[in-house]
Amino acid sequence: MELTKRLLFLDDIRYPIEAYHYTKQDIFLRKEWHIVRNYEQFVNRIMEKGLPEMISFDHDLADVHYLKPNADEYTEKTGYDCAKWLIEYCMDNYLDVPKFYCHSMNPVGKKNILSLLENFKQL
């Protein structure tokens, strides 16, 4: 098990130090963050390295989330999609969800991610 990079930071553009500036959460000052920029990197990292001790989520992982023509789903997956995948992964593998934080500046997206993860944690 890899001892460094046990903190996973999901964000398409920001770095942990930038999240510290507006959240004032000291965890973002730590050097052990591994940064993933999208859904695929998020899934691949966990599949390859296992669950980290903590994940910090951004919601919007692209400038614009384009709708597929004649569909209700987006072409670009969000942090919420990552959180849904994480829950499925934990259920399939009988694992507890790791510690989590949401540093997203999207208030609705942030609330959705935190609600989803908190509800699963209480099961």
PDB file of N, CA and C in Angstrom:
ATOM      1  N   MET A   1       0.856  -1.193   0.000  1.00  0.00           N
ATOM      2  CA  MET A   1       0.000   0.000   0.000  1.00  0.00           C
ATOM      3  C   MET A   1       0.890   1.239   0.000  1.00  0.00           C
ATOM      4  N   GLU A   2       0.603   2.124  -0.879  1.00  0.00           N
ATOM      5  CA  GLU A   2       1.377   3.366  -1.004  1.00  0.00           C
ATOM      6  C   GLU A   2       1.148   4.257   0.223  1.00  0.00           C
ATOM      7  N   LEU A   3       2.233   4.688   0.844  1.00  0.00           N
ATOM      8  CA  LEU A   3       2.108   5.488   2.059  1.00  0.00           C
ATOM      9  C   LEU A   3       1.903   6.968   1.774  1.00  0.00           C
ATOM     10  N   THR A   4       2.420   7.426   0.652  1.00  0.00           N
ATOM     11  CA  THR A   4       2.209   8.831   0.300  1.00  0.00           C
ATOM     12  C   THR A   4       1.010   8.922  -0.634  1.00  0.00           C
ATOM     13  N   LYS A   5       0.535  10.120  -0.820  1.00  0.00           N
ATOM     14  CA  LYS A   5      -0.591  10.361  -1.736  1.00  0.00           C
ATOM     15  C   LYS A   5      -1.844   9.614  -1.303  1.00  0.00           C
ATOM     16  N   ARG A   6      -2.086   9.529  -0.007  1.00  0.00           N
ATOM     17  CA  ARG A   6      -3.273   8.850   0.497  1.00  0.00           C
ATOM     18  C   ARG A   6      -4.453   9.814   0.615  1.00  0.00           C
ATOM     19  N   LEU A   7      -4.252  11.021   0.128  1.00  0.00           N
ATOM     20  CA  LEU A   7      -5.323  12.005   0.084  1.00  0.00           C
ATOM     21  C   LEU A   7      -5.629  12.234  -1.391  1.00  0.00           C
ATOM     22  N   LEU A   8      -6.894  12.172  -1.764  1.00  0.00           N
ATOM     23  CA  LEU A   8      -7.272  12.300  -3.174  1.00  0.00           C
ATOM     24  C   LEU A   8      -8.056  13.592  -3.379  1.00  0.00           C
ATOM     25  N   PHE A   9      -7.572  14.413  -4.293  1.00  0.00           N
ATOM     26  CA  PHE A   9      -8.142  15.729  -4.571  1.00  0.00           C
ATOM     27  C   PHE A   9      -8.718  15.710  -5.980  1.00  0.00           C
ATOM     28  N   LEU A  10     -10.046  15.763  -6.082  1.00  0.00           N
ATOM     29  CA  LEU A  10     -10.731  15.746  -7.376  1.00  0.00           C
ATOM     30  C   LEU A  10     -11.101  17.168  -7.768  1.00  0.00           C
ATOM     31  N   ASP A  11     -10.448  17.669  -8.793  1.00  0.00           N
ATOM     32  CA  ASP A  11     -10.734  19.029  -9.275  1.00  0.00           C
ATOM     33  C   ASP A  11     -10.139  19.175 -10.666  1.00  0.00           C
ATOM     34  N   ASP A  12     -10.897  19.766 -11.587  1.00  0.00           N
ATOM     35  CA  ASP A  12     -10.413  19.887 -12.962  1.00  0.00           C
ATOM     36  C   ASP A  12      -9.341  20.954 -13.138  1.00  0.00           C
ATOM     37  N   ILE A  13      -9.300  21.963 -12.273  1.00  0.00           N
ATOM     38  CA  ILE A  13      -8.316  23.033 -12.480  1.00  0.00           C
ATOM     39  C   ILE A  13      -7.536  23.434 -11.232  1.00  0.00           C
ATOM     40  N   ARG A  14      -8.154  23.339 -10.063  1.00  0.00           N
ATOM     41  CA  ARG A  14      -7.501  23.843  -8.853  1.00  0.00           C
ATOM     42  C   ARG A  14      -6.540  22.830  -8.247  1.00  0.00           C
ATOM     43  N   TYR A  15      -5.690  23.365  -7.366  1.00  0.00           N
ATOM     44  CA  TYR A  15      -4.771  22.577  -6.553  1.00  0.00           C
ATOM     45  C   TYR A  15      -5.202  22.714  -5.098  1.00  0.00           C
ATOM     46  N   PRO A  16      -4.798  21.778  -4.232  1.00  0.00           N
ATOM     47  CA  PRO A  16      -5.225  21.844  -2.822  1.00  0.00           C
ATOM     48  C   PRO A  16      -4.944  23.185  -2.138  1.00  0.00           C
ATOM     49  N   ILE A  17      -3.809  23.795  -2.414  1.00  0.00           N
ATOM     50  CA  ILE A  17      -3.498  25.082  -1.764  1.00  0.00           C
ATOM     51  C   ILE A  17      -4.527  26.143  -2.126  1.00  0.00           C
ATOM     52  N   GLU A  18      -5.066  26.073  -3.327  1.00  0.00           N
ATOM     53  CA  GLU A  18      -6.095  27.032  -3.738  1.00  0.00           C
ATOM     54  C   GLU A  18      -7.390  26.792  -2.962  1.00  0.00           C
ATOM     55  N   ALA A  19      -7.711  25.535  -2.687  1.00  0.00           N
ATOM     56  CA  ALA A  19      -8.897  25.232  -1.882  1.00  0.00           C
ATOM     57  C   ALA A  19      -8.702  25.750  -0.456  1.00  0.00           C
ATOM     58  N   TYR A  20      -7.471  25.697   0.040  1.00  0.00           N
ATOM     59  CA  TYR A  20      -7.206  26.215   1.388  1.00  0.00           C
ATOM     60  C   TYR A  20      -7.563  27.698   1.489  1.00  0.00           C
ATOM     61  N   HIS A  21      -7.262  28.469   0.453  1.00  0.00           N
ATOM     62  CA  HIS A  21      -7.468  29.914   0.487  1.00  0.00           C
ATOM     63  C   HIS A  21      -8.926  30.300   0.724  1.00  0.00           C
ATOM     64  N   TYR A  22      -9.871  29.506   0.230  1.00  0.00           N
ATOM     65  CA  TYR A  22     -11.274  29.879   0.449  1.00  0.00           C
ATOM     66  C   TYR A  22     -11.984  28.992   1.467  1.00  0.00           C
ATOM     67  N   THR A  23     -11.417  27.833   1.807  1.00  0.00           N
ATOM     68  CA  THR A  23     -12.058  26.984   2.815  1.00  0.00           C
ATOM     69  C   THR A  23     -11.446  27.175   4.203  1.00  0.00           C
ATOM     70  N   LYS A  24     -10.178  27.572   4.229  1.00  0.00           N
ATOM     71  CA  LYS A  24      -9.407  27.698   5.480  1.00  0.00           C
ATOM     72  C   LYS A  24      -9.294  26.365   6.217  1.00  0.00           C
ATOM     73  N   GLN A  25      -9.360  25.262   5.488  1.00  0.00           N
ATOM     74  CA  GLN A  25      -9.206  23.933   6.062  1.00  0.00           C
ATOM     75  C   GLN A  25      -7.731  23.528   5.963  1.00  0.00           C
ATOM     76  N   ASP A  26      -7.103  23.296   7.121  1.00  0.00           N
ATOM     77  CA  ASP A  26      -5.672  22.989   7.162  1.00  0.00           C
ATOM     78  C   ASP A  26      -5.290  21.734   6.383  1.00  0.00           C
ATOM     79  N   ILE A  27      -6.233  20.822   6.199  1.00  0.00           N
ATOM     80  CA  ILE A  27      -5.938  19.591   5.466  1.00  0.00           C
ATOM     81  C   ILE A  27      -5.374  19.903   4.078  1.00  0.00           C
ATOM     82  N   PHE A  28      -5.781  21.025   3.499  1.00  0.00           N
ATOM     83  CA  PHE A  28      -5.318  21.377   2.151  1.00  0.00           C
ATOM     84  C   PHE A  28      -3.879  21.884   2.118  1.00  0.00           C
ATOM     85  N   LEU A  29      -3.275  22.058   3.283  1.00  0.00           N
ATOM     86  CA  LEU A  29      -1.874  22.454   3.357  1.00  0.00           C
ATOM     87  C   LEU A  29      -0.938  21.242   3.315  1.00  0.00           C
ATOM     88  N   ARG A  30      -1.491  20.058   3.487  1.00  0.00           N
ATOM     89  CA  ARG A  30      -0.670  18.847   3.465  1.00  0.00           C
ATOM     90  C   ARG A  30      -0.146  18.588   2.066  1.00  0.00           C
ATOM     91  N   LYS A  31       1.006  17.938   2.012  1.00  0.00           N
ATOM     92  CA  LYS A  31       1.682  17.687   0.731  1.00  0.00           C
ATOM     93  C   LYS A  31       1.288  16.350   0.098  1.00  0.00           C
ATOM     94  N   GLU A  32       0.556  15.521   0.817  1.00  0.00           N
ATOM     95  CA  GLU A  32       0.305  14.154   0.357  1.00  0.00           C
ATOM     96  C   GLU A  32      -0.844  14.013  -0.635  1.00  0.00           C
ATOM     97  N   TRP A  33      -1.355  15.090  -1.163  1.00  0.00           N
ATOM     98  CA  TRP A  33      -2.489  14.993  -2.078  1.00  0.00           C
ATOM     99  C   TRP A  33      -2.079  14.400  -3.422  1.00  0.00           C
ATOM    100  N   HIS A  34      -2.892  13.512  -3.921  1.00  0.00           N
ATOM    101  CA  HIS A  34      -2.787  13.066  -5.308  1.00  0.00           C
ATOM    102  C   HIS A  34      -3.967  13.719  -6.028  1.00  0.00           C
ATOM    103  N   ILE A  35      -3.695  14.394  -7.116  1.00  0.00           N
ATOM    104  CA  ILE A  35      -4.722  15.153  -7.831  1.00  0.00           C
ATOM    105  C   ILE A  35      -5.237  14.357  -9.026  1.00  0.00           C
ATOM    106  N   VAL A  36      -6.557  14.258  -9.112  1.00  0.00           N
ATOM    107  CA  VAL A  36      -7.199  13.687 -10.296  1.00  0.00           C
ATOM    108  C   VAL A  36      -8.118  14.755 -10.875  1.00  0.00           C
ATOM    109  N   ARG A  37      -8.181  14.813 -12.191  1.00  0.00           N
ATOM    110  CA  ARG A  37      -8.863  15.908 -12.876  1.00  0.00           C
ATOM    111  C   ARG A  37     -10.233  15.563 -13.431  1.00  0.00           C
ATOM    112  N   ASN A  38     -10.588  14.280 -13.494  1.00  0.00           N
ATOM    113  CA  ASN A  38     -11.882  13.918 -14.073  1.00  0.00           C
ATOM    114  C   ASN A  38     -12.342  12.562 -13.548  1.00  0.00           C
ATOM    115  N   TYR A  39     -13.508  12.149 -13.977  1.00  0.00           N
ATOM    116  CA  TYR A  39     -14.131  10.904 -13.533  1.00  0.00           C
ATOM    117  C   TYR A  39     -13.230   9.696 -13.808  1.00  0.00           C
ATOM    118  N   GLU A  40     -12.690   9.624 -15.014  1.00  0.00           N
ATOM    119  CA  GLU A  40     -11.880   8.475 -15.399  1.00  0.00           C
ATOM    120  C   GLU A  40     -10.634   8.363 -14.522  1.00  0.00           C
ATOM    121  N   GLN A  41      -9.960   9.480 -14.269  1.00  0.00           N
ATOM    122  CA  GLN A  41      -8.780   9.454 -13.412  1.00  0.00           C
ATOM    123  C   GLN A  41      -9.151   9.064 -11.985  1.00  0.00           C
ATOM    124  N   PHE A  42     -10.290   9.543 -11.508  1.00  0.00           N
ATOM    125  CA  PHE A  42     -10.780   9.219 -10.172  1.00  0.00           C
ATOM    126  C   PHE A  42     -10.979   7.707 -10.027  1.00  0.00           C
ATOM    127  N   VAL A  43     -11.731   7.131 -10.955  1.00  0.00           N
ATOM    128  CA  VAL A  43     -12.012   5.692 -10.923  1.00  0.00           C
ATOM    129  C   VAL A  43     -10.723   4.893 -11.043  1.00  0.00           C
ATOM    130  N   ASN A  44      -9.881   5.247 -12.000  1.00  0.00           N
ATOM    131  CA  ASN A  44      -8.637   4.505 -12.224  1.00  0.00           C
ATOM    132  C   ASN A  44      -7.729   4.541 -11.004  1.00  0.00           C
ATOM    133  N   ARG A  45      -7.626   5.697 -10.359  1.00  0.00           N
ATOM    134  CA  ARG A  45      -6.758   5.820  -9.179  1.00  0.00           C
ATOM    135  C   ARG A  45      -7.219   4.888  -8.058  1.00  0.00           C
ATOM    136  N   ILE A  46      -8.507   4.866  -7.804  1.00  0.00           N
ATOM    137  CA  ILE A  46      -9.026   4.012  -6.726  1.00  0.00           C
ATOM    138  C   ILE A  46      -8.919   2.539  -7.107  1.00  0.00           C
ATOM    139  N   MET A  47      -9.170   2.205  -8.353  1.00  0.00           N
ATOM    140  CA  MET A  47      -9.054   0.813  -8.798  1.00  0.00           C
ATOM    141  C   MET A  47      -7.602   0.327  -8.679  1.00  0.00           C
ATOM    142  N   GLU A  48      -6.644   1.205  -8.970  1.00  0.00           N
ATOM    143  CA  GLU A  48      -5.227   0.826  -8.931  1.00  0.00           C
ATOM    144  C   GLU A  48      -4.638   0.863  -7.526  1.00  0.00           C
ATOM    145  N   LYS A  49      -5.022   1.846  -6.724  1.00  0.00           N
ATOM    146  CA  LYS A  49      -4.364   2.069  -5.429  1.00  0.00           C
ATOM    147  C   LYS A  49      -5.250   1.762  -4.227  1.00  0.00           C
ATOM    148  N   GLY A  50      -6.523   1.516  -4.445  1.00  0.00           N
ATOM    149  CA  GLY A  50      -7.443   1.302  -3.337  1.00  0.00           C
ATOM    150  C   GLY A  50      -7.947   2.638  -2.798  1.00  0.00           C
ATOM    151  N   LEU A  51      -8.776   2.555  -1.773  1.00  0.00           N
ATOM    152  CA  LEU A  51      -9.357   3.772  -1.200  1.00  0.00           C
ATOM    153  C   LEU A  51      -8.300   4.606  -0.493  1.00  0.00           C
ATOM    154  N   PRO A  52      -8.340   5.914  -0.692  1.00  0.00           N
ATOM    155  CA  PRO A  52      -7.449   6.795   0.064  1.00  0.00           C
ATOM    156  C   PRO A  52      -8.013   7.017   1.464  1.00  0.00           C
ATOM    157  N   GLU A  53      -7.243   7.677   2.328  1.00  0.00           N
ATOM    158  CA  GLU A  53      -7.774   7.967   3.662  1.00  0.00           C
ATOM    159  C   GLU A  53      -8.817   9.076   3.605  1.00  0.00           C
ATOM    160  N   MET A  54      -8.715   9.944   2.583  1.00  0.00           N
ATOM    161  CA  MET A  54      -9.670  11.045   2.447  1.00  0.00           C
ATOM    162  C   MET A  54      -9.778  11.455   0.982  1.00  0.00           C
ATOM    163  N   ILE A  55     -10.976  11.907   0.607  1.00  0.00           N
ATOM    164  CA  ILE A  55     -11.221  12.432  -0.736  1.00  0.00           C
ATOM    165  C   ILE A  55     -11.860  13.802  -0.593  1.00  0.00           C
ATOM    166  N   SER A  56     -11.348  14.767  -1.349  1.00  0.00           N
ATOM    167  CA  SER A  56     -12.003  16.070  -1.422  1.00  0.00           C
ATOM    168  C   SER A  56     -12.562  16.235  -2.832  1.00  0.00           C
ATOM    169  N   PHE A  57     -13.840  16.543  -2.890  1.00  0.00           N
ATOM    170  CA  PHE A  57     -14.567  16.599  -4.163  1.00  0.00           C
ATOM    171  C   PHE A  57     -14.793  18.025  -4.647  1.00  0.00           C
ATOM    172  N   ASP A  58     -14.626  18.205  -5.956  1.00  0.00           N
ATOM    173  CA  ASP A  58     -15.159  19.361  -6.663  1.00  0.00           C
ATOM    174  C   ASP A  58     -16.378  18.818  -7.415  1.00  0.00           C
ATOM    175  N   HIS A  59     -17.356  19.653  -7.675  1.00  0.00           N
ATOM    176  CA  HIS A  59     -18.527  19.177  -8.420  1.00  0.00           C
ATOM    177  C   HIS A  59     -18.335  19.335  -9.919  1.00  0.00           C
ATOM    178  N   ASP A  60     -18.055  20.550 -10.369  1.00  0.00           N
ATOM    179  CA  ASP A  60     -17.976  20.835 -11.804  1.00  0.00           C
ATOM    180  C   ASP A  60     -16.588  20.489 -12.325  1.00  0.00           C
ATOM    181  N   LEU A  61     -16.515  19.452 -13.152  1.00  0.00           N
ATOM    182  CA  LEU A  61     -15.227  18.982 -13.661  1.00  0.00           C
ATOM    183  C   LEU A  61     -14.984  19.392 -15.105  1.00  0.00           C
ATOM    184  N   ALA A  62     -15.713  20.371 -15.572  1.00  0.00           N
ATOM    185  CA  ALA A  62     -15.516  20.948 -16.897  1.00  0.00           C
ATOM    186  C   ALA A  62     -16.134  22.337 -16.865  1.00  0.00           C
ATOM    187  N   ASP A  63     -15.680  23.212 -17.756  1.00  0.00           N
ATOM    188  CA  ASP A  63     -16.235  24.558 -17.796  1.00  0.00           C
ATOM    189  C   ASP A  63     -17.727  24.534 -18.070  1.00  0.00           C
ATOM    190  N   VAL A  64     -18.129  23.656 -18.975  1.00  0.00           N
ATOM    191  CA  VAL A  64     -19.532  23.539 -19.350  1.00  0.00           C
ATOM    192  C   VAL A  64     -19.864  22.059 -19.401  1.00  0.00           C
ATOM    193  N   HIS A  65     -20.991  21.688 -18.850  1.00  0.00           N
ATOM    194  CA  HIS A  65     -21.443  20.297 -18.903  1.00  0.00           C
ATOM    195  C   HIS A  65     -22.495  20.203 -20.002  1.00  0.00           C
ATOM    196  N   TYR A  66     -22.042  19.873 -21.208  1.00  0.00           N
ATOM    197  CA  TYR A  66     -22.934  19.847 -22.350  1.00  0.00           C
ATOM    198  C   TYR A  66     -23.915  18.690 -22.252  1.00  0.00           C
ATOM    199  N   LEU A  67     -25.164  18.971 -22.561  1.00  0.00           N
ATOM    200  CA  LEU A  67     -26.160  17.909 -22.622  1.00  0.00           C
ATOM    201  C   LEU A  67     -25.991  17.143 -23.929  1.00  0.00           C
ATOM    202  N   LYS A  68     -26.149  15.824 -23.850  1.00  0.00           N
ATOM    203  CA  LYS A  68     -26.152  15.029 -25.066  1.00  0.00           C
ATOM    204  C   LYS A  68     -27.398  15.400 -25.865  1.00  0.00           C
ATOM    205  N   PRO A  69     -27.319  15.404 -27.177  1.00  0.00           N
ATOM    206  CA  PRO A  69     -28.511  15.713 -27.984  1.00  0.00           C
ATOM    207  C   PRO A  69     -29.659  14.767 -27.643  1.00  0.00           C
ATOM    208  N   ASN A  70     -30.834  15.322 -27.452  1.00  0.00           N
ATOM    209  CA  ASN A  70     -32.053  14.559 -27.163  1.00  0.00           C
ATOM    210  C   ASN A  70     -31.929  13.653 -25.937  1.00  0.00           C
ATOM    211  N   ALA A  71     -31.194  14.129 -24.921  1.00  0.00           N
ATOM    212  CA  ALA A  71     -31.028  13.308 -23.714  1.00  0.00           C
ATOM    213  C   ALA A  71     -31.030  14.194 -22.476  1.00  0.00           C
ATOM    214  N   ASP A  72     -31.233  13.567 -21.354  1.00  0.00           N
ATOM    215  CA  ASP A  72     -31.236  14.288 -20.087  1.00  0.00           C
ATOM    216  C   ASP A  72     -29.918  14.136 -19.330  1.00  0.00           C
ATOM    217  N   GLU A  73     -28.936  13.479 -19.945  1.00  0.00           N
ATOM    218  CA  GLU A  73     -27.677  13.295 -19.233  1.00  0.00           C
ATOM    219  C   GLU A  73     -26.561  14.133 -19.859  1.00  0.00           C
ATOM    220  N   TYR A  74     -25.597  14.453 -19.029  1.00  0.00           N
ATOM    221  CA  TYR A  74     -24.470  15.270 -19.470  1.00  0.00           C
ATOM    222  C   TYR A  74     -23.380  14.403 -20.083  1.00  0.00           C
ATOM    223  N   THR A  75     -22.622  14.987 -20.995  1.00  0.00           N
ATOM    224  CA  THR A  75     -21.519  14.255 -21.596  1.00  0.00           C
ATOM    225  C   THR A  75     -20.316  14.232 -20.655  1.00  0.00           C
ATOM    226  N   GLU A  76     -20.134  15.261 -19.865  1.00  0.00           N
ATOM    227  CA  GLU A  76     -19.009  15.331 -18.925  1.00  0.00           C
ATOM    228  C   GLU A  76     -19.500  14.964 -17.533  1.00  0.00           C
ATOM    229  N   LYS A  77     -18.861  13.971 -16.934  1.00  0.00           N
ATOM    230  CA  LYS A  77     -19.275  13.542 -15.599  1.00  0.00           C
ATOM    231  C   LYS A  77     -18.795  14.552 -14.554  1.00  0.00           C
ATOM    232  N   THR A  78     -19.533  14.622 -13.457  1.00  0.00           N
ATOM    233  CA  THR A  78     -19.251  15.585 -12.398  1.00  0.00           C
ATOM    234  C   THR A  78     -18.698  14.882 -11.153  1.00  0.00           C
ATOM    235  N   GLY A  79     -18.376  15.672 -10.148  1.00  0.00           N
ATOM    236  CA  GLY A  79     -17.969  15.118  -8.868  1.00  0.00           C
ATOM    237  C   GLY A  79     -19.070  14.284  -8.245  1.00  0.00           C
ATOM    238  N   TYR A  80     -20.320  14.625  -8.525  1.00  0.00           N
ATOM    239  CA  TYR A  80     -21.444  13.835  -8.028  1.00  0.00           C
ATOM    240  C   TYR A  80     -21.410  12.433  -8.623  1.00  0.00           C
ATOM    241  N   ASP A  81     -21.076  12.333  -9.914  1.00  0.00           N
ATOM    242  CA  ASP A  81     -20.945  11.019 -10.553  1.00  0.00           C
ATOM    243  C   ASP A  81     -19.825  10.218  -9.887  1.00  0.00           C
ATOM    244  N   CYS A  82     -18.749  10.893  -9.524  1.00  0.00           N
ATOM    245  CA  CYS A  82     -17.637  10.234  -8.825  1.00  0.00           C
ATOM    246  C   CYS A  82     -18.090   9.721  -7.460  1.00  0.00           C
ATOM    247  N   ALA A  83     -18.863  10.522  -6.751  1.00  0.00           N
ATOM    248  CA  ALA A  83     -19.371  10.116  -5.444  1.00  0.00           C
ATOM    249  C   ALA A  83     -20.313   8.912  -5.580  1.00  0.00           C
ATOM    250  N   LYS A  84     -21.152   8.899  -6.612  1.00  0.00           N
ATOM    251  CA  LYS A  84     -22.045   7.758  -6.844  1.00  0.00           C
ATOM    252  C   LYS A  84     -21.227   6.507  -7.131  1.00  0.00           C
ATOM    253  N   TRP A  85     -20.190   6.637  -7.958  1.00  0.00           N
ATOM    254  CA  TRP A  85     -19.329   5.495  -8.266  1.00  0.00           C
ATOM    255  C   TRP A  85     -18.635   4.995  -6.995  1.00  0.00           C
ATOM    256  N   LEU A  86     -18.166   5.913  -6.169  1.00  0.00           N
ATOM    257  CA  LEU A  86     -17.490   5.557  -4.922  1.00  0.00           C
ATOM    258  C   LEU A  86     -18.405   4.721  -4.024  1.00  0.00           C
ATOM    259  N   ILE A  87     -19.644   5.115  -3.915  1.00  0.00           N
ATOM    260  CA  ILE A  87     -20.604   4.369  -3.095  1.00  0.00           C
ATOM    261  C   ILE A  87     -20.804   2.958  -3.645  1.00  0.00           C
ATOM    262  N   GLU A  88     -20.954   2.845  -4.962  1.00  0.00           N
ATOM    263  CA  GLU A  88     -21.101   1.515  -5.579  1.00  0.00           C
ATOM    264  C   GLU A  88     -19.868   0.660  -5.316  1.00  0.00           C
ATOM    265  N   TYR A  89     -18.698   1.258  -5.451  1.00  0.00           N
ATOM    266  CA  TYR A  89     -17.429   0.555  -5.210  1.00  0.00           C
ATOM    267  C   TYR A  89     -17.359   0.072  -3.761  1.00  0.00           C
ATOM    268  N   CYS A  90     -17.707   0.924  -2.829  1.00  0.00           N
ATOM    269  CA  CYS A  90     -17.685   0.551  -1.404  1.00  0.00           C
ATOM    270  C   CYS A  90     -18.696  -0.555  -1.111  1.00  0.00           C
ATOM    271  N   MET A  91     -19.885  -0.461  -1.678  1.00  0.00           N
ATOM    272  CA  MET A  91     -20.900  -1.502  -1.461  1.00  0.00           C
ATOM    273  C   MET A  91     -20.437  -2.830  -2.055  1.00  0.00           C
ATOM    274  N   ASP A  92     -19.927  -2.803  -3.277  1.00  0.00           N
ATOM    275  CA  ASP A  92     -19.486  -4.032  -3.949  1.00  0.00           C
ATOM    276  C   ASP A  92     -18.334  -4.708  -3.217  1.00  0.00           C
ATOM    277  N   ASN A  93     -17.504  -3.929  -2.536  1.00  0.00           N
ATOM    278  CA  ASN A  93     -16.311  -4.456  -1.882  1.00  0.00           C
ATOM    279  C   ASN A  93     -16.423  -4.478  -0.353  1.00  0.00           C
ATOM    280  N   TYR A  94     -17.618  -4.207   0.160  1.00  0.00           N
ATOM    281  CA  TYR A  94     -17.875  -4.224   1.607  1.00  0.00           C
ATOM    282  C   TYR A  94     -16.911  -3.308   2.362  1.00  0.00           C
ATOM    283  N   LEU A  95     -16.758  -2.106   1.863  1.00  0.00           N
ATOM    284  CA  LEU A  95     -15.851  -1.122   2.449  1.00  0.00           C
ATOM    285  C   LEU A  95     -16.625   0.069   2.996  1.00  0.00           C
ATOM    286  N   ASP A  96     -16.054   0.692   4.003  1.00  0.00           N
ATOM    287  CA  ASP A  96     -16.603   1.957   4.495  1.00  0.00           C
ATOM    288  C   ASP A  96     -16.125   3.071   3.581  1.00  0.00           C
ATOM    289  N   VAL A  97     -16.964   4.056   3.378  1.00  0.00           N
ATOM    290  CA  VAL A  97     -16.562   5.217   2.583  1.00  0.00           C
ATOM    291  C   VAL A  97     -15.462   5.947   3.363  1.00  0.00           C
ATOM    292  N   PRO A  98     -14.401   6.403   2.665  1.00  0.00           N
ATOM    293  CA  PRO A  98     -13.345   7.129   3.384  1.00  0.00           C
ATOM    294  C   PRO A  98     -13.846   8.495   3.858  1.00  0.00           C
ATOM    295  N   LYS A  99     -13.018   9.164   4.653  1.00  0.00           N
ATOM    296  CA  LYS A  99     -13.352  10.538   5.039  1.00  0.00           C
ATOM    297  C   LYS A  99     -13.525  11.340   3.757  1.00  0.00           C
ATOM    298  N   PHE A 100     -14.387  12.341   3.800  1.00  0.00           N
ATOM    299  CA  PHE A 100     -14.619  13.137   2.597  1.00  0.00           C
ATOM    300  C   PHE A 100     -14.872  14.592   2.965  1.00  0.00           C
ATOM    301  N   TYR A 101     -14.607  15.415   1.975  1.00  0.00           N
ATOM    302  CA  TYR A 101     -14.832  16.844   2.082  1.00  0.00           C
ATOM    303  C   TYR A 101     -15.260  17.287   0.693  1.00  0.00           C
ATOM    304  N   CYS A 102     -15.981  18.372   0.602  1.00  0.00           N
ATOM    305  CA  CYS A 102     -16.334  18.910  -0.713  1.00  0.00           C
ATOM    306  C   CYS A 102     -15.909  20.373  -0.754  1.00  0.00           C
ATOM    307  N   HIS A 103     -14.913  20.658  -1.581  1.00  0.00           N
ATOM    308  CA  HIS A 103     -14.392  22.022  -1.693  1.00  0.00           C
ATOM    309  C   HIS A 103     -15.004  22.779  -2.877  1.00  0.00           C
ATOM    310  N   SER A 104     -16.032  22.206  -3.489  1.00  0.00           N
ATOM    311  CA  SER A 104     -16.652  22.821  -4.662  1.00  0.00           C
ATOM    312  C   SER A 104     -17.225  24.195  -4.337  1.00  0.00           C
ATOM    313  N   MET A 105     -17.134  25.103  -5.303  1.00  0.00           N
ATOM    314  CA  MET A 105     -17.732  26.427  -5.157  1.00  0.00           C
ATOM    315  C   MET A 105     -19.163  26.451  -5.695  1.00  0.00           C
ATOM    316  N   ASN A 106     -19.631  25.331  -6.207  1.00  0.00           N
ATOM    317  CA  ASN A 106     -21.005  25.195  -6.686  1.00  0.00           C
ATOM    318  C   ASN A 106     -21.848  24.772  -5.481  1.00  0.00           C
ATOM    319  N   PRO A 107     -22.648  25.671  -4.907  1.00  0.00           N
ATOM    320  CA  PRO A 107     -23.364  25.342  -3.668  1.00  0.00           C
ATOM    321  C   PRO A 107     -24.358  24.195  -3.804  1.00  0.00           C
ATOM    322  N   VAL A 108     -25.037  24.099  -4.928  1.00  0.00           N
ATOM    323  CA  VAL A 108     -26.002  23.015  -5.131  1.00  0.00           C
ATOM    324  C   VAL A 108     -25.262  21.691  -5.325  1.00  0.00           C
ATOM    325  N   GLY A 109     -24.229  21.718  -6.153  1.00  0.00           N
ATOM    326  CA  GLY A 109     -23.434  20.510  -6.375  1.00  0.00           C
ATOM    327  C   GLY A 109     -22.780  20.028  -5.087  1.00  0.00           C
ATOM    328  N   LYS A 110     -22.254  20.957  -4.308  1.00  0.00           N
ATOM    329  CA  LYS A 110     -21.621  20.623  -3.028  1.00  0.00           C
ATOM    330  C   LYS A 110     -22.619  19.951  -2.094  1.00  0.00           C
ATOM    331  N   LYS A 111     -23.804  20.536  -1.976  1.00  0.00           N
ATOM    332  CA  LYS A 111     -24.852  19.982  -1.106  1.00  0.00           C
ATOM    333  C   LYS A 111     -25.249  18.579  -1.564  1.00  0.00           C
ATOM    334  N   ASN A 112     -25.367  18.380  -2.876  1.00  0.00           N
ATOM    335  CA  ASN A 112     -25.749  17.077  -3.411  1.00  0.00           C
ATOM    336  C   ASN A 112     -24.700  16.006  -3.099  1.00  0.00           C
ATOM    337  N   ILE A 113     -23.431  16.331  -3.286  1.00  0.00           N
ATOM    338  CA  ILE A 113     -22.355  15.377  -3.006  1.00  0.00           C
ATOM    339  C   ILE A 113     -22.332  15.024  -1.521  1.00  0.00           C
ATOM    340  N   LEU A 114     -22.359  16.042  -0.671  1.00  0.00           N
ATOM    341  CA  LEU A 114     -22.295  15.794   0.771  1.00  0.00           C
ATOM    342  C   LEU A 114     -23.514  15.017   1.259  1.00  0.00           C
ATOM    343  N   SER A 115     -24.694  15.332   0.757  1.00  0.00           N
ATOM    344  CA  SER A 115     -25.912  14.607   1.154  1.00  0.00           C
ATOM    345  C   SER A 115     -25.831  13.143   0.752  1.00  0.00           C
ATOM    346  N   LEU A 116     -25.392  12.894  -0.462  1.00  0.00           N
ATOM    347  CA  LEU A 116     -25.269  11.522  -0.956  1.00  0.00           C
ATOM    348  C   LEU A 116     -24.313  10.717  -0.071  1.00  0.00           C
ATOM    349  N   LEU A 117     -23.139  11.272   0.199  1.00  0.00           N
ATOM    350  CA  LEU A 117     -22.131  10.550   0.981  1.00  0.00           C
ATOM    351  C   LEU A 117     -22.542  10.394   2.446  1.00  0.00           C
ATOM    352  N   GLU A 118     -23.130  11.432   3.016  1.00  0.00           N
ATOM    353  CA  GLU A 118     -23.592  11.349   4.416  1.00  0.00           C
ATOM    354  C   GLU A 118     -24.689  10.291   4.558  1.00  0.00           C
ATOM    355  N   ASN A 119     -25.623  10.255   3.601  1.00  0.00           N
ATOM    356  CA  ASN A 119     -26.692   9.269   3.658  1.00  0.00           C
ATOM    357  C   ASN A 119     -26.147   7.837   3.567  1.00  0.00           C
ATOM    358  N   PHE A 120     -25.179   7.627   2.699  1.00  0.00           N
ATOM    359  CA  PHE A 120     -24.586   6.295   2.572  1.00  0.00           C
ATOM    360  C   PHE A 120     -23.835   5.919   3.853  1.00  0.00           C
ATOM    361  N   LYS A 121     -23.123   6.868   4.407  1.00  0.00           N
ATOM    362  CA  LYS A 121     -22.336   6.628   5.620  1.00  0.00           C
ATOM    363  C   LYS A 121     -23.228   6.196   6.791  1.00  0.00           C
ATOM    364  N   GLN A 122     -24.454   6.705   6.812  1.00  0.00           N
ATOM    365  CA  GLN A 122     -25.376   6.392   7.902  1.00  0.00           C
ATOM    366  C   GLN A 122     -26.044   5.013   7.755  1.00  0.00           C
ATOM    367  N   LEU A 123     -25.908   4.389   6.593  1.00  0.00           N
ATOM    368  CA  LEU A 123     -26.518   3.071   6.380  1.00  0.00           C
ATOM    369  C   LEU A 123     -25.808   1.994   7.173  1.00  0.00           C
TER     370      LEU A 123
END
